[in-house]
């Protein structure tokens, strides 16, 4: 019973639909961010997610690696060090065609 309660302490969001999408990760601690050498609002591609944390491919590191024809680095960030994960959505994805129902004026 105690093991089940420990498993529920993780994040409640399902980020699987955000894999391979551009996200912004904000760090809880400035010290951890400085250890990784990343910005406070780290923009990049979400590479993986599990109950321990997430893997991100920072945009700046990706551009530099691709320009030099080098492998792209992935960074693992534990959930304890993440303040929030933001995925920007295009507003046009939420617009639907308005359908008129009812009597039409003559």
N, C-alpha and C. Protein backbone atom coordinates (compact mmCIF):
# COMPACT_ATOMS: atom_id res chain seq x y z
N UNK A 1 0.83 -1.19 0.00
CA UNK A 1 0.00 0.00 0.00
C UNK A 1 0.88 1.26 0.00
N UNK A 2 1.94 1.24 0.77
CA UNK A 2 2.82 2.40 0.83
C UNK A 2 3.49 2.64 -0.53
N UNK A 3 3.80 1.60 -1.27
CA UNK A 3 4.43 1.75 -2.57
C UNK A 3 3.52 2.47 -3.55
N UNK A 4 2.23 2.22 -3.48
CA UNK A 4 1.28 2.87 -4.38
C UNK A 4 1.23 4.37 -4.11
N UNK A 5 1.29 4.77 -2.86
CA UNK A 5 1.26 6.19 -2.53
C UNK A 5 2.52 6.88 -3.03
N UNK A 6 3.66 6.22 -2.99
CA UNK A 6 4.90 6.82 -3.47
C UNK A 6 4.84 7.03 -4.98
N UNK A 7 4.21 6.14 -5.71
CA UNK A 7 4.12 6.28 -7.16
C UNK A 7 3.23 7.45 -7.56
N UNK A 8 2.31 7.84 -6.71
CA UNK A 8 1.39 8.92 -7.03
C UNK A 8 2.00 10.30 -6.81
N UNK A 9 3.21 10.37 -6.25
CA UNK A 9 3.82 11.66 -5.96
C UNK A 9 4.41 12.34 -7.19
N UNK A 10 4.45 11.68 -8.33
CA UNK A 10 5.04 12.25 -9.53
C UNK A 10 4.12 13.25 -10.20
N UNK A 11 4.53 13.74 -11.36
CA UNK A 11 3.70 14.71 -12.06
C UNK A 11 2.40 14.09 -12.54
N UNK A 12 1.37 14.89 -12.63
CA UNK A 12 0.06 14.41 -13.03
C UNK A 12 -0.21 14.64 -14.53
N UNK A 13 0.68 15.36 -15.20
CA UNK A 13 0.48 15.67 -16.61
C UNK A 13 1.02 14.55 -17.49
N UNK A 14 0.36 14.35 -18.61
CA UNK A 14 0.84 13.39 -19.59
C UNK A 14 1.53 14.18 -20.69
N UNK A 15 2.86 14.12 -20.73
CA UNK A 15 3.62 14.88 -21.70
C UNK A 15 3.95 14.06 -22.95
N UNK A 16 3.36 12.87 -23.07
CA UNK A 16 3.69 12.03 -24.22
C UNK A 16 3.26 12.68 -25.53
N UNK A 17 2.23 13.51 -25.52
CA UNK A 17 1.81 14.19 -26.74
C UNK A 17 2.75 15.33 -27.10
N UNK A 18 3.65 15.70 -26.19
CA UNK A 18 4.60 16.78 -26.45
C UNK A 18 5.97 16.29 -26.88
N UNK A 19 6.15 14.98 -26.97
CA UNK A 19 7.44 14.45 -27.41
C UNK A 19 7.76 14.93 -28.82
N UNK A 20 9.01 15.27 -29.04
CA UNK A 20 9.51 15.79 -30.31
C UNK A 20 8.92 17.15 -30.66
N UNK A 21 8.36 17.84 -29.69
CA UNK A 21 7.83 19.19 -29.90
C UNK A 21 8.72 20.19 -29.16
N UNK A 22 8.61 21.45 -29.55
CA UNK A 22 9.37 22.51 -28.89
C UNK A 22 8.70 22.89 -27.58
N UNK A 23 9.48 22.93 -26.51
CA UNK A 23 8.98 23.30 -25.19
C UNK A 23 9.94 24.30 -24.56
N UNK A 24 9.50 24.90 -23.48
CA UNK A 24 10.34 25.77 -22.65
C UNK A 24 10.30 25.19 -21.25
N UNK A 25 11.48 24.93 -20.68
CA UNK A 25 11.58 24.41 -19.32
C UNK A 25 12.09 25.53 -18.42
N UNK A 26 11.38 25.78 -17.34
CA UNK A 26 11.83 26.76 -16.34
C UNK A 26 12.31 26.00 -15.12
N UNK A 27 13.48 26.38 -14.66
CA UNK A 27 14.12 25.67 -13.54
C UNK A 27 13.68 26.23 -12.20
N UNK A 28 13.60 25.36 -11.23
CA UNK A 28 13.26 25.74 -9.86
C UNK A 28 14.47 26.40 -9.19
N UNK A 29 15.66 25.89 -9.50
CA UNK A 29 16.86 26.34 -8.83
C UNK A 29 17.85 26.96 -9.83
N UNK A 30 18.33 28.13 -9.52
CA UNK A 30 19.32 28.79 -10.38
C UNK A 30 20.65 28.05 -10.33
N UNK A 31 20.96 27.41 -9.20
CA UNK A 31 22.20 26.65 -9.07
C UNK A 31 22.23 25.48 -10.06
N UNK A 32 21.15 24.75 -10.15
CA UNK A 32 21.09 23.61 -11.06
C UNK A 32 21.18 24.07 -12.52
N UNK A 33 20.50 25.13 -12.81
CA UNK A 33 20.54 25.70 -14.16
C UNK A 33 21.97 26.10 -14.53
N UNK A 34 22.70 26.71 -13.61
CA UNK A 34 24.08 27.10 -13.86
C UNK A 34 24.99 25.90 -14.01
N UNK A 35 24.72 24.82 -13.27
CA UNK A 35 25.53 23.60 -13.40
C UNK A 35 25.42 23.02 -14.81
N UNK A 36 24.21 23.09 -15.38
CA UNK A 36 24.00 22.59 -16.73
C UNK A 36 24.46 23.59 -17.79
N UNK A 37 24.61 24.85 -17.40
CA UNK A 37 25.00 25.88 -18.35
C UNK A 37 23.87 26.28 -19.28
N UNK A 38 22.64 26.24 -18.77
CA UNK A 38 21.47 26.58 -19.57
C UNK A 38 20.85 27.87 -19.07
N UNK A 39 19.98 28.44 -19.90
CA UNK A 39 19.28 29.67 -19.53
C UNK A 39 18.15 29.38 -18.56
N UNK A 40 17.63 30.42 -17.89
CA UNK A 40 16.53 30.24 -16.95
C UNK A 40 15.29 29.69 -17.65
N UNK A 41 15.00 30.19 -18.84
CA UNK A 41 13.92 29.66 -19.68
C UNK A 41 14.58 28.91 -20.82
N UNK A 42 14.77 27.62 -20.63
CA UNK A 42 15.50 26.80 -21.59
C UNK A 42 14.55 26.30 -22.67
N UNK A 43 14.69 26.85 -23.88
CA UNK A 43 13.88 26.41 -25.01
C UNK A 43 14.59 25.24 -25.69
N UNK A 44 13.81 24.26 -26.08
CA UNK A 44 14.40 23.11 -26.76
C UNK A 44 13.34 22.10 -27.15
N UNK A 45 13.82 20.95 -27.60
CA UNK A 45 12.93 19.87 -28.04
C UNK A 45 12.83 18.84 -26.94
N UNK A 46 11.62 18.43 -26.60
CA UNK A 46 11.39 17.41 -25.58
C UNK A 46 11.69 16.05 -26.20
N UNK A 47 12.67 15.36 -25.63
CA UNK A 47 13.13 14.09 -26.20
C UNK A 47 12.56 12.89 -25.48
N UNK A 48 12.38 12.99 -24.17
CA UNK A 48 11.86 11.86 -23.40
C UNK A 48 11.29 12.30 -22.07
N UNK A 49 10.39 11.47 -21.55
CA UNK A 49 9.74 11.75 -20.27
C UNK A 49 9.55 10.43 -19.54
N UNK A 50 9.84 10.42 -18.25
CA UNK A 50 9.47 9.29 -17.41
C UNK A 50 9.18 9.80 -16.01
N UNK A 51 8.99 8.90 -15.06
CA UNK A 51 8.58 9.33 -13.73
C UNK A 51 9.69 10.01 -12.94
N UNK A 52 10.93 9.94 -13.42
CA UNK A 52 12.06 10.56 -12.72
C UNK A 52 12.38 11.96 -13.24
N UNK A 53 11.99 12.25 -14.46
CA UNK A 53 12.29 13.56 -15.02
C UNK A 53 12.07 13.56 -16.52
N UNK A 54 12.73 14.49 -17.18
CA UNK A 54 12.59 14.56 -18.63
C UNK A 54 13.94 14.83 -19.29
N UNK A 55 14.00 14.51 -20.58
CA UNK A 55 15.20 14.75 -21.38
C UNK A 55 14.86 15.84 -22.37
N UNK A 56 15.75 16.80 -22.47
CA UNK A 56 15.53 17.92 -23.38
C UNK A 56 16.77 18.11 -24.24
N UNK A 57 16.54 18.58 -25.43
CA UNK A 57 17.60 18.90 -26.38
C UNK A 57 17.55 20.42 -26.55
N UNK A 58 18.41 21.18 -25.82
CA UNK A 58 18.34 22.64 -25.89
C UNK A 58 18.54 23.16 -27.31
N UNK A 59 17.78 24.17 -27.68
CA UNK A 59 17.80 24.69 -29.05
C UNK A 59 19.16 25.24 -29.43
N UNK A 60 19.78 25.99 -28.54
CA UNK A 60 21.09 26.58 -28.85
C UNK A 60 22.15 25.50 -29.02
N UNK A 61 22.14 24.50 -28.14
CA UNK A 61 23.12 23.41 -28.24
C UNK A 61 22.88 22.60 -29.51
N UNK A 62 21.62 22.44 -29.89
CA UNK A 62 21.28 21.70 -31.12
C UNK A 62 21.82 22.42 -32.36
N UNK A 63 21.57 23.74 -32.41
CA UNK A 63 22.06 24.52 -33.56
C UNK A 63 23.58 24.44 -33.67
N UNK A 64 24.27 24.59 -32.54
CA UNK A 64 25.73 24.55 -32.56
C UNK A 64 26.25 23.18 -32.98
N UNK A 65 25.63 22.12 -32.46
CA UNK A 65 26.07 20.76 -32.79
C UNK A 65 25.82 20.44 -34.27
N UNK A 66 24.68 20.84 -34.79
CA UNK A 66 24.38 20.57 -36.19
C UNK A 66 25.28 21.38 -37.12
N UNK A 67 25.63 22.61 -36.72
CA UNK A 67 26.53 23.44 -37.53
C UNK A 67 27.93 22.83 -37.60
N UNK A 68 28.35 22.17 -36.53
CA UNK A 68 29.68 21.55 -36.48
C UNK A 68 29.64 20.08 -36.88
N UNK A 69 28.46 19.58 -37.29
CA UNK A 69 28.28 18.19 -37.70
C UNK A 69 28.67 17.23 -36.56
N UNK A 70 28.23 17.57 -35.35
CA UNK A 70 28.50 16.79 -34.15
C UNK A 70 27.19 16.19 -33.63
N UNK A 71 27.28 15.17 -32.78
CA UNK A 71 26.04 14.65 -32.15
C UNK A 71 25.39 15.70 -31.26
N UNK A 72 24.09 15.67 -31.18
CA UNK A 72 23.33 16.62 -30.36
C UNK A 72 23.23 16.09 -28.94
N UNK A 73 23.52 16.94 -27.97
CA UNK A 73 23.46 16.54 -26.56
C UNK A 73 22.04 16.57 -26.03
N UNK A 74 21.71 15.59 -25.20
CA UNK A 74 20.45 15.55 -24.49
C UNK A 74 20.74 15.75 -23.01
N UNK A 75 19.91 16.54 -22.36
CA UNK A 75 20.08 16.83 -20.94
C UNK A 75 18.93 16.19 -20.17
N UNK A 76 19.28 15.48 -19.09
CA UNK A 76 18.26 14.92 -18.20
C UNK A 76 18.04 15.91 -17.07
N UNK A 77 16.77 16.21 -16.80
CA UNK A 77 16.42 17.14 -15.72
C UNK A 77 15.42 16.44 -14.81
N UNK A 78 15.78 16.21 -13.54
CA UNK A 78 14.83 15.57 -12.62
C UNK A 78 13.66 16.50 -12.29
N UNK A 79 12.51 15.90 -11.97
CA UNK A 79 11.31 16.68 -11.68
C UNK A 79 11.51 17.66 -10.54
N UNK A 80 12.37 17.31 -9.57
CA UNK A 80 12.61 18.20 -8.43
C UNK A 80 13.20 19.53 -8.85
N UNK A 81 13.87 19.57 -10.01
CA UNK A 81 14.54 20.78 -10.48
C UNK A 81 13.71 21.56 -11.50
N UNK A 82 12.52 21.07 -11.84
CA UNK A 82 11.70 21.71 -12.86
C UNK A 82 10.57 22.48 -12.20
N UNK A 83 10.47 23.76 -12.54
CA UNK A 83 9.37 24.57 -12.05
C UNK A 83 8.15 24.39 -12.94
N UNK A 84 8.35 24.45 -14.26
CA UNK A 84 7.24 24.27 -15.19
C UNK A 84 7.77 23.89 -16.57
N UNK A 85 6.90 23.28 -17.36
CA UNK A 85 7.18 22.96 -18.75
C UNK A 85 6.08 23.62 -19.58
N UNK A 86 6.49 24.41 -20.56
CA UNK A 86 5.54 25.16 -21.37
C UNK A 86 5.66 24.69 -22.82
N UNK A 87 4.53 24.41 -23.42
CA UNK A 87 4.49 24.10 -24.85
C UNK A 87 3.55 25.09 -25.51
N UNK A 88 4.09 25.88 -26.38
CA UNK A 88 3.30 26.89 -27.05
C UNK A 88 2.45 26.24 -28.14
N UNK A 89 1.21 26.66 -28.23
CA UNK A 89 0.29 26.12 -29.22
C UNK A 89 -0.12 27.21 -30.20
N UNK A 90 -0.28 26.86 -31.44
CA UNK A 90 -0.78 27.78 -32.45
C UNK A 90 -2.28 27.95 -32.24
N UNK A 91 -2.74 29.18 -32.11
CA UNK A 91 -4.16 29.44 -31.83
C UNK A 91 -5.07 28.92 -32.93
N UNK A 92 -4.56 28.85 -34.15
CA UNK A 92 -5.41 28.41 -35.26
C UNK A 92 -5.81 26.93 -35.11
N UNK A 93 -5.08 26.17 -34.30
CA UNK A 93 -5.44 24.78 -34.08
C UNK A 93 -6.75 24.64 -33.31
N UNK A 94 -7.13 25.68 -32.58
CA UNK A 94 -8.31 25.61 -31.74
C UNK A 94 -9.54 26.22 -32.40
N UNK A 95 -9.34 26.87 -33.54
CA UNK A 95 -10.47 27.48 -34.23
C UNK A 95 -11.21 26.41 -35.02
N UNK A 96 -12.49 26.41 -34.91
CA UNK A 96 -13.31 25.46 -35.67
C UNK A 96 -14.26 26.25 -36.54
N UNK A 97 -14.73 25.62 -37.55
CA UNK A 97 -15.67 26.26 -38.45
C UNK A 97 -16.99 26.43 -37.71
N UNK A 98 -17.48 27.66 -37.70
CA UNK A 98 -18.75 27.91 -37.04
C UNK A 98 -19.88 27.37 -37.90
N UNK A 99 -20.74 26.64 -37.27
CA UNK A 99 -21.85 26.05 -37.98
C UNK A 99 -23.14 26.68 -37.47
N UNK A 100 -23.89 27.24 -38.38
CA UNK A 100 -25.15 27.89 -38.00
C UNK A 100 -26.24 26.86 -37.91
N UNK A 101 -26.91 26.81 -36.77
CA UNK A 101 -28.04 25.89 -36.59
C UNK A 101 -29.26 26.70 -36.20
N UNK A 102 -30.35 26.39 -36.82
CA UNK A 102 -31.57 27.10 -36.49
C UNK A 102 -32.16 27.74 -37.74
N UNK A 103 -33.12 28.62 -37.51
CA UNK A 103 -33.80 29.29 -38.62
C UNK A 103 -32.91 30.35 -39.22
N UNK A 104 -32.94 30.45 -40.54
CA UNK A 104 -32.19 31.48 -41.23
C UNK A 104 -33.14 32.62 -41.60
N UNK A 105 -32.75 33.84 -41.35
CA UNK A 105 -33.61 34.97 -41.71
C UNK A 105 -33.70 35.09 -43.22
N UNK A 106 -34.87 35.57 -43.71
CA UNK A 106 -35.06 35.71 -45.16
C UNK A 106 -34.86 37.11 -45.60
